[in-house]
Protein backbone atom coordinates (compact mmCIF):
# COMPACT_ATOMS: atom_id res chain seq x y z
CA MET A 1 -12.24 -105.00 119.10
CA GLU A 2 -13.46 -104.67 122.68
CA VAL A 3 -17.25 -104.54 122.94
CA PHE A 4 -17.48 -104.02 126.71
CA GLY A 5 -14.85 -102.74 129.11
CA VAL A 6 -16.20 -103.01 132.65
CA ASP A 7 -14.07 -101.46 135.38
CA LYS A 8 -14.95 -101.84 139.07
CA ILE A 9 -18.68 -101.20 138.67
CA SER A 10 -20.96 -101.33 141.70
CA TYR A 11 -24.69 -101.03 142.01
CA THR A 12 -27.10 -100.89 144.96
CA TYR A 13 -30.87 -100.77 144.63
CA LYS A 14 -32.92 -98.08 146.38
CA ASP A 15 -33.98 -100.50 149.10
CA GLY A 16 -30.32 -100.88 150.05
CA LYS A 17 -29.88 -104.30 148.45
CA LYS A 18 -26.37 -104.70 147.06
CA ALA A 19 -26.35 -106.13 143.54
CA LEU A 20 -22.76 -105.72 142.31
CA ASP A 21 -19.54 -104.82 144.10
CA GLU A 22 -16.52 -103.65 142.08
CA VAL A 23 -17.02 -106.03 139.18
CA SER A 24 -14.47 -105.86 136.34
CA PHE A 25 -14.14 -107.76 133.07
CA ASN A 26 -14.03 -107.19 129.31
CA VAL A 27 -15.73 -108.78 126.33
CA ARG A 28 -14.22 -109.06 122.87
CA GLU A 29 -16.14 -108.81 119.63
CA GLY A 30 -17.45 -112.21 118.54
CA GLU A 31 -16.89 -113.78 121.96
CA SER A 32 -19.45 -115.93 123.78
CA LEU A 33 -19.26 -115.26 127.51
CA THR A 34 -21.27 -116.93 130.25
CA ILE A 35 -21.88 -115.31 133.62
CA ILE A 36 -22.88 -117.85 136.26
CA GLY A 37 -23.94 -117.40 139.83
CA THR A 38 -26.70 -118.32 142.23
CA ASN A 39 -29.99 -116.40 142.34
CA GLY A 40 -29.40 -112.93 143.76
CA SER A 41 -25.71 -112.79 142.86
CA GLY A 42 -26.27 -109.89 140.45
CA LYS A 43 -26.35 -111.56 137.02
CA SER A 44 -29.52 -109.85 135.78
CA THR A 45 -28.46 -106.48 137.16
CA LEU A 46 -25.17 -106.80 135.30
CA LEU A 47 -27.01 -107.36 132.01
CA TYR A 48 -29.26 -104.36 132.70
CA LEU A 49 -26.14 -102.23 133.14
CA LEU A 50 -24.65 -103.50 129.88
CA ASP A 51 -27.94 -102.73 128.13
CA GLY A 52 -28.15 -99.21 129.53
CA LEU A 53 -31.30 -99.84 131.57
CA LEU A 54 -29.34 -98.99 134.71
CA MET A 55 -26.24 -96.87 135.28
CA PRO A 56 -23.48 -97.90 137.72
CA GLU A 57 -23.22 -95.98 140.97
CA SER A 58 -19.43 -96.24 140.75
CA GLY A 59 -16.89 -97.55 138.30
CA SER A 60 -17.16 -97.25 134.53
CA ILE A 61 -18.37 -99.09 131.45
CA LYS A 62 -17.00 -98.61 127.96
CA ILE A 63 -19.16 -99.80 125.07
CA PHE A 64 -17.51 -100.17 121.66
CA GLY A 65 -14.67 -98.09 123.09
CA LYS A 66 -16.92 -95.18 124.15
CA ASP A 67 -17.51 -94.00 127.70
CA LEU A 68 -21.04 -93.52 129.01
CA ASP A 69 -20.40 -89.91 130.03
CA ASN A 70 -23.23 -88.76 127.75
CA GLY A 71 -25.50 -91.66 128.63
CA PHE A 72 -26.44 -94.73 126.64
CA LEU A 73 -26.14 -93.60 123.01
CA PRO A 74 -28.90 -94.38 120.45
CA GLU A 75 -26.39 -96.33 118.36
CA PHE A 76 -25.89 -98.69 121.31
CA ARG A 77 -29.62 -99.38 121.41
CA GLU A 78 -29.48 -100.52 117.79
CA ARG A 79 -26.45 -102.74 118.30
CA ILE A 80 -27.33 -104.39 121.63
CA SER A 81 -30.37 -106.57 122.35
CA LEU A 82 -31.49 -108.07 125.67
CA LEU A 83 -33.59 -111.16 126.34
CA PHE A 84 -35.22 -110.72 129.75
CA GLN A 85 -35.46 -113.64 132.16
CA ASN A 86 -39.23 -113.18 132.31
CA PRO A 87 -40.57 -112.90 128.72
CA GLN A 88 -43.86 -111.46 129.96
CA VAL A 89 -42.16 -108.11 130.56
CA GLN A 90 -40.85 -108.10 126.99
CA LEU A 91 -44.05 -108.88 125.07
CA PHE A 92 -46.81 -106.29 124.91
CA LEU A 93 -48.47 -106.28 121.47
CA LEU A 94 -51.56 -108.06 120.13
CA SER A 95 -49.90 -110.87 118.18
CA VAL A 96 -46.60 -112.70 117.77
CA TRP A 97 -46.32 -111.23 114.27
CA ASP A 98 -46.65 -107.70 115.65
CA GLU A 99 -43.97 -108.43 118.24
CA LEU A 100 -41.48 -109.56 115.58
CA CYS A 101 -42.23 -106.58 113.33
CA PHE A 102 -41.96 -103.96 116.07
CA GLY A 103 -38.16 -103.80 116.36
CA PRO A 104 -37.43 -103.59 112.61
CA LEU A 105 -40.15 -100.96 112.31
CA GLN A 106 -38.34 -98.78 114.88
CA LEU A 107 -35.17 -99.13 112.79
CA GLY A 108 -36.98 -97.63 109.80
CA LEU A 109 -36.81 -100.69 107.55
CA ASN A 110 -39.19 -100.82 104.61
CA LYS A 111 -42.29 -103.00 104.68
CA ASP A 112 -40.90 -105.78 102.48
CA ASP A 113 -37.70 -106.11 104.53
CA ILE A 114 -39.67 -106.19 107.77
CA LYS A 115 -41.96 -108.89 106.43
CA LYS A 116 -39.08 -111.03 105.17
CA ARG A 117 -37.11 -110.68 108.41
CA SER A 118 -40.12 -111.63 110.53
CA GLU A 119 -40.88 -114.62 108.31
CA ASP A 120 -37.27 -115.74 108.63
CA ILE A 121 -37.44 -115.59 112.43
CA LEU A 122 -40.70 -117.54 112.58
CA LYS A 123 -39.06 -120.27 110.51
CA LEU A 124 -35.75 -120.15 112.39
CA LEU A 125 -37.43 -120.66 115.77
CA GLY A 126 -40.09 -123.06 114.51
CA ILE A 127 -42.97 -120.86 115.67
CA GLU A 128 -44.79 -120.29 112.37
CA HIS A 129 -47.96 -121.71 113.94
CA LEU A 130 -47.91 -118.96 116.59
CA ARG A 131 -48.01 -116.11 114.09
CA GLU A 132 -51.51 -114.84 114.92
CA ARG A 133 -51.56 -115.88 118.58
CA GLY A 134 -51.56 -113.27 121.32
CA PRO A 135 -48.46 -113.36 123.56
CA TRP A 136 -50.66 -113.76 126.64
CA ASN A 137 -52.07 -116.97 125.15
CA LEU A 138 -48.72 -118.81 124.95
CA SER A 139 -46.94 -121.28 127.20
CA SER A 140 -43.86 -120.05 129.08
CA GLY A 141 -41.61 -121.86 126.59
CA GLU A 142 -43.43 -120.35 123.60
CA MET A 143 -43.19 -116.91 125.19
CA LYS A 144 -39.45 -117.40 125.63
CA LYS A 145 -39.04 -118.27 121.95
CA VAL A 146 -41.07 -115.25 120.82
CA ALA A 147 -39.11 -112.95 123.15
CA LEU A 148 -35.88 -114.34 121.70
CA GLY A 149 -37.32 -113.67 118.24
CA THR A 150 -37.82 -110.01 119.11
CA CYS A 151 -34.13 -109.83 120.07
CA LEU A 152 -33.08 -111.37 116.75
CA SER A 153 -35.44 -109.16 114.75
CA THR A 154 -33.19 -106.10 115.09
CA ASN A 155 -30.13 -108.07 113.93
CA ALA A 156 -28.09 -106.61 116.79
CA ASP A 157 -24.35 -107.14 117.02
CA VAL A 158 -24.53 -108.05 120.73
CA ILE A 159 -27.14 -110.32 122.29
CA LEU A 160 -27.56 -110.45 126.06
CA LEU A 161 -29.43 -113.53 127.32
CA ASP A 162 -30.82 -113.68 130.86
CA GLU A 163 -31.52 -117.30 131.91
CA PRO A 164 -32.48 -118.31 128.34
CA THR A 165 -33.19 -122.00 129.13
CA THR A 166 -35.76 -121.26 131.84
CA GLY A 167 -39.17 -122.64 130.86
CA LEU A 168 -37.87 -124.58 127.85
CA ASP A 169 -38.40 -128.30 127.36
CA PRO A 170 -35.28 -130.47 126.78
CA ARG A 171 -35.56 -130.43 122.97
CA SER A 172 -35.99 -126.65 122.92
CA GLN A 173 -32.95 -126.29 125.18
CA VAL A 174 -30.83 -128.27 122.72
CA GLU A 175 -32.15 -126.15 119.85
CA LEU A 176 -31.32 -122.99 121.80
CA VAL A 177 -27.76 -124.16 122.45
CA ASP A 178 -27.30 -124.86 118.73
CA LEU A 179 -28.76 -121.44 117.90
CA ILE A 180 -26.37 -119.65 120.29
CA ILE A 181 -23.44 -121.48 118.71
CA GLY A 182 -24.74 -120.53 115.27
CA LEU A 183 -25.17 -116.87 116.19
CA GLN A 184 -21.60 -116.66 117.44
CA LYS A 185 -20.33 -118.25 114.25
CA ALA A 186 -22.23 -115.57 112.34
CA GLY A 187 -20.14 -112.96 114.19
CA LYS A 188 -22.47 -112.08 117.05
CA THR A 189 -21.18 -111.33 120.53
CA ILE A 190 -23.16 -113.36 123.07
CA ILE A 191 -23.33 -112.85 126.85
CA THR A 192 -25.42 -115.40 128.71
CA ALA A 193 -26.33 -115.09 132.39
CA THR A 194 -27.35 -118.46 133.80
CA HIS A 195 -27.15 -120.91 136.68
CA ASP A 196 -27.71 -123.79 134.24
CA LEU A 197 -24.28 -125.41 134.50
CA GLY A 198 -25.21 -127.99 131.89
CA ILE A 199 -24.89 -125.59 128.96
CA ILE A 200 -21.91 -123.37 129.69
CA GLU A 201 -19.22 -125.62 128.22
CA ASP A 202 -21.20 -125.93 124.99
CA ILE A 203 -21.96 -122.25 124.41
CA SER A 204 -19.10 -120.23 125.87
CA ASP A 205 -15.48 -119.35 125.24
CA ARG A 206 -15.07 -117.94 128.74
CA THR A 207 -16.99 -118.04 132.03
CA ILE A 208 -17.25 -115.57 134.91
CA VAL A 209 -18.50 -116.73 138.30
CA LEU A 210 -20.27 -114.17 140.49
CA GLY A 211 -20.14 -114.98 144.17
CA GLU A 212 -22.84 -114.38 146.73
CA ASP A 213 -20.85 -111.32 147.81
CA HIS A 214 -21.65 -109.85 144.33
CA ARG A 215 -18.00 -109.86 143.29
CA VAL A 216 -16.18 -111.80 140.58
CA LEU A 217 -15.15 -115.03 142.26
CA LEU A 218 -13.53 -116.76 139.29
CA GLU A 219 -12.91 -116.23 135.59
CA GLY A 220 -11.59 -118.73 133.07
CA LYS A 221 -12.29 -121.33 130.42
CA PRO A 222 -15.67 -122.98 131.07
CA TRP A 223 -14.25 -126.48 131.47
CA ASP A 224 -11.70 -125.23 133.99
CA VAL A 225 -14.43 -123.42 135.93
CA MET A 226 -16.55 -126.56 135.99
CA GLU A 227 -13.64 -128.52 137.48
CA ASP A 228 -13.14 -125.97 140.29
CA THR A 229 -15.40 -127.63 142.85
CA LYS A 230 -14.22 -125.34 145.64
CA ALA A 231 -15.26 -122.19 143.75
CA LEU A 232 -18.61 -123.67 142.69
CA LEU A 233 -19.33 -124.64 146.28
CA GLN A 234 -18.38 -121.15 147.46
CA ALA A 235 -20.70 -119.62 144.85
CA ASN A 236 -23.49 -121.96 146.03
CA LEU A 237 -23.83 -123.40 142.53
CA ILE A 238 -23.39 -127.00 143.67
CA HIS A 239 -24.19 -128.79 146.92
CA LYS A 240 -21.29 -130.20 148.92
CA HIS A 241 -22.96 -133.63 148.96
CA ALA A 242 -23.73 -133.71 145.27
CA HIS A 243 -22.20 -136.69 143.47
CA ARG A 244 -20.74 -134.74 140.56
CA HIS A 245 -19.69 -136.40 137.33
CA CYS A 246 -19.25 -133.07 135.58
CA TRP A 247 -16.45 -134.02 133.19
CA TYR A 248 -17.27 -137.68 132.72
CA VAL A 249 -21.05 -137.49 132.18
CA HIS A 250 -20.76 -134.74 129.61
CA GLU A 251 -17.89 -136.32 127.69
CA HIS A 252 -20.15 -136.79 124.64
CA SER A 253 -20.53 -133.05 124.40
CA HIS A 254 -17.22 -131.71 125.64
CA PHE A 255 -14.70 -134.07 124.12
CA GLY A 256 -16.57 -136.17 121.62
CA GLU A 257 -17.78 -135.29 118.18
CA HIS A 258 -20.98 -133.28 118.47
CA LYS A 259 -22.79 -132.00 115.44
CA HIS A 260 -23.66 -128.34 115.19
CA GLU A 261 -24.84 -126.20 112.34
CA HIS A 262 -21.93 -124.26 110.86
CA ILE A 263 -22.83 -120.70 109.93
CA SER A 264 -21.24 -119.68 106.66
CA ALA A 265 -22.40 -116.09 106.43
CA THR A 266 -21.28 -114.18 103.40
CA THR A 267 -22.25 -111.06 105.31
CA VAL A 268 -21.53 -111.34 109.03
CA GLY A 269 -24.70 -110.95 111.03
CA SER A 270 -27.03 -111.74 108.15
CA LEU A 271 -30.17 -113.27 109.58
CA GLN A 272 -30.91 -115.10 106.36
CA SER A 273 -27.54 -116.85 106.51
CA ILE A 274 -28.52 -118.27 109.89
CA VAL A 275 -31.83 -119.48 108.52
CA ASP A 276 -30.10 -121.02 105.50
CA SER A 277 -27.67 -122.89 107.73
CA HIS A 278 -30.51 -124.37 109.77
CA GLU A 279 -32.22 -125.53 106.59
CA GLU A 280 -29.03 -127.43 105.75
CA LYS A 281 -28.84 -129.24 109.09
CA ASN A 282 -29.49 -132.64 107.48
CA LEU A 283 -27.26 -132.12 104.46
CA GLY A 284 -23.90 -133.28 105.80
CA ILE A 285 -22.87 -130.58 108.25
CA LYS A 286 -19.26 -130.87 109.39
CA GLU A 287 -18.51 -132.11 112.87
CA GLU A 288 -16.67 -129.95 115.40
CA LYS A 289 -15.11 -130.24 118.82
CA CYS A 290 -15.71 -127.71 121.55
CA PHE A 291 -11.99 -127.74 122.28
CA GLU A 292 -9.03 -129.92 121.45
CA MET A 293 -7.64 -132.45 123.94
CA SER A 294 -5.44 -135.42 123.16
CA ASP A 295 -6.66 -138.93 123.93
CA LEU A 296 -3.91 -139.28 126.53
CA ASP A 297 -5.06 -136.12 128.31
CA LYS A 298 -8.67 -137.36 128.22
CA LEU A 299 -7.60 -140.66 129.80
CA LYS A 300 -5.61 -138.89 132.49
CA ARG A 301 -8.60 -136.72 133.42
CA LEU A 302 -10.83 -139.78 133.55
CA LEU A 303 -8.40 -141.66 135.80
CA GLU A 304 -8.17 -138.64 138.13
CA HIS A 305 -11.97 -138.56 138.23
CA TRP A 306 -12.14 -142.23 139.25
CA VAL A 307 -9.54 -141.74 141.98
CA GLU A 308 -11.41 -138.73 143.39
CA HIS A 309 -14.67 -140.62 143.72
CA ASN A 310 -13.14 -143.93 144.81
CA VAL A 311 -11.67 -142.24 147.89
CA GLY A 312 -15.15 -141.14 148.91
CA HIS A 313 -16.64 -144.50 148.03
CA ALA A 314 -14.10 -146.41 150.14
CA LYS A 315 -14.88 -144.21 153.13
CA THR A 316 -18.62 -144.80 152.68
CA TYR A 317 -18.18 -148.58 152.45
CA THR A 318 -16.16 -148.53 155.67
CA GLU A 319 -18.78 -146.48 157.50
CA TRP A 320 -21.57 -148.86 156.45
CA ALA A 321 -19.43 -151.84 157.38
CA GLU A 322 -19.24 -150.45 160.93
CA LYS A 323 -23.01 -149.89 160.98
CA ALA A 324 -23.64 -153.44 159.74
CA ASP A 325 -21.33 -154.78 162.42
CA ALA A 326 -23.26 -152.81 165.07
CA MET A 327 -26.50 -154.40 163.81
CA GLY A 328 -25.01 -157.84 164.19
CA LYS A 329 -24.76 -158.40 160.42
CA ASN A 330 -21.24 -159.79 160.61
CA LYS A 331 -21.11 -161.32 157.13
CA LEU A 332 -22.42 -158.09 155.54
CA ALA A 333 -19.94 -156.03 157.57
CA TRP A 334 -17.05 -158.25 156.50
CA THR A 335 -18.10 -158.06 152.82
CA LEU A 336 -18.43 -154.25 152.89
CA LYS A 337 -15.02 -153.94 154.55
CA GLU A 338 -13.55 -156.17 151.85
CA ILE A 339 -15.13 -153.93 149.17
CA ALA A 340 -13.57 -150.87 150.86
CA ASP A 341 -10.16 -152.54 150.95
CA GLU A 342 -10.42 -153.56 147.28
CA THR A 343 -11.45 -150.00 146.36
CA GLU A 344 -8.38 -148.58 148.09
CA ARG A 345 -6.14 -151.13 146.34
CA LEU A 346 -7.75 -150.17 143.03
CA ASN A 347 -6.77 -146.58 143.67
CA LEU A 348 -3.14 -147.65 143.80
CA LEU A 349 -3.53 -148.99 140.26
CA PHE A 350 -5.29 -145.82 139.11
CA ASN A 351 -2.50 -143.64 140.52
CA ARG A 352 0.08 -145.87 138.88
CA ALA A 353 -1.75 -145.43 135.57
CA ILE A 354 -1.83 -141.64 136.07
CA GLU A 355 1.95 -141.64 136.64
CA ALA A 356 2.39 -143.71 133.47
CA THR A 357 0.57 -141.05 131.41
CA ASN A 358 3.35 -138.62 132.34
CA LEU A 359 6.16 -140.89 131.11
């Protein structure tokens, strides 16, 4: 089933600032999609449009197969939840407990169900100690967790996340990634807007890149997007002088065996099933791979990576050899030139190895 069908939507703010320009894509039920782009590319605005907080000035959006001709329907509000980039705009009650109870209360749940659901969320996010604290008296990371808890409290089918790792410490970021994976396995549809390139291959099935012209620049599998240096440079997501080891550095996560909690929900979307799975995290959870790639393919990619960087390295060694020679450091210049020559010869071996992988 298609959750969102977005067709050539555009949006311009009242001050004349263009946010989106003829953006089109679709999202399937149960899919985890990441939307990446530099600040100001339109990521947040796009989530606001999907959540019905804004309406497109042109183009159309279908939600669960229904047009928005009659506005954002109440049933959409129950099925879609948005985590704002700034949690301060999302929290407004006197205590964390009140915040978690507010959403279920609006859904008309009975007191016992509201209490149980809120207790489950406190435990799931590890924020039991914040129960009676006022939202204004929390750190930015704690606020982010509580705001995420309010999104989970309604048990929505679709969760929209705007820069969810902002303000989180490294351990909390890892926990968030595992939670997103768990939510998807429980049947949730997840759309994450971020410029944190370090998480997209772990949490998403598909990635959309928004360019600085507010259009879709690229769409594809996250690992393919991360290998498209030209597109990432064009989107201003990486610097042209950055020494990127995107595939190689993250091999432990992308190609290796990385443990995640497996959600085995008897009822898809059951919050308790998510909590139960997290309680079992030390009880022999199965290992999974983000995607399948043969060992030969892995080796080929690694060899290609070495060749790519060795070309740049050889050039750098040569440049510094010339500078050393100009400084009168003849022995250093000769040694650096020899290193450059050896690096170029090594590339011949790498290319020969790449050719051998195709035999």
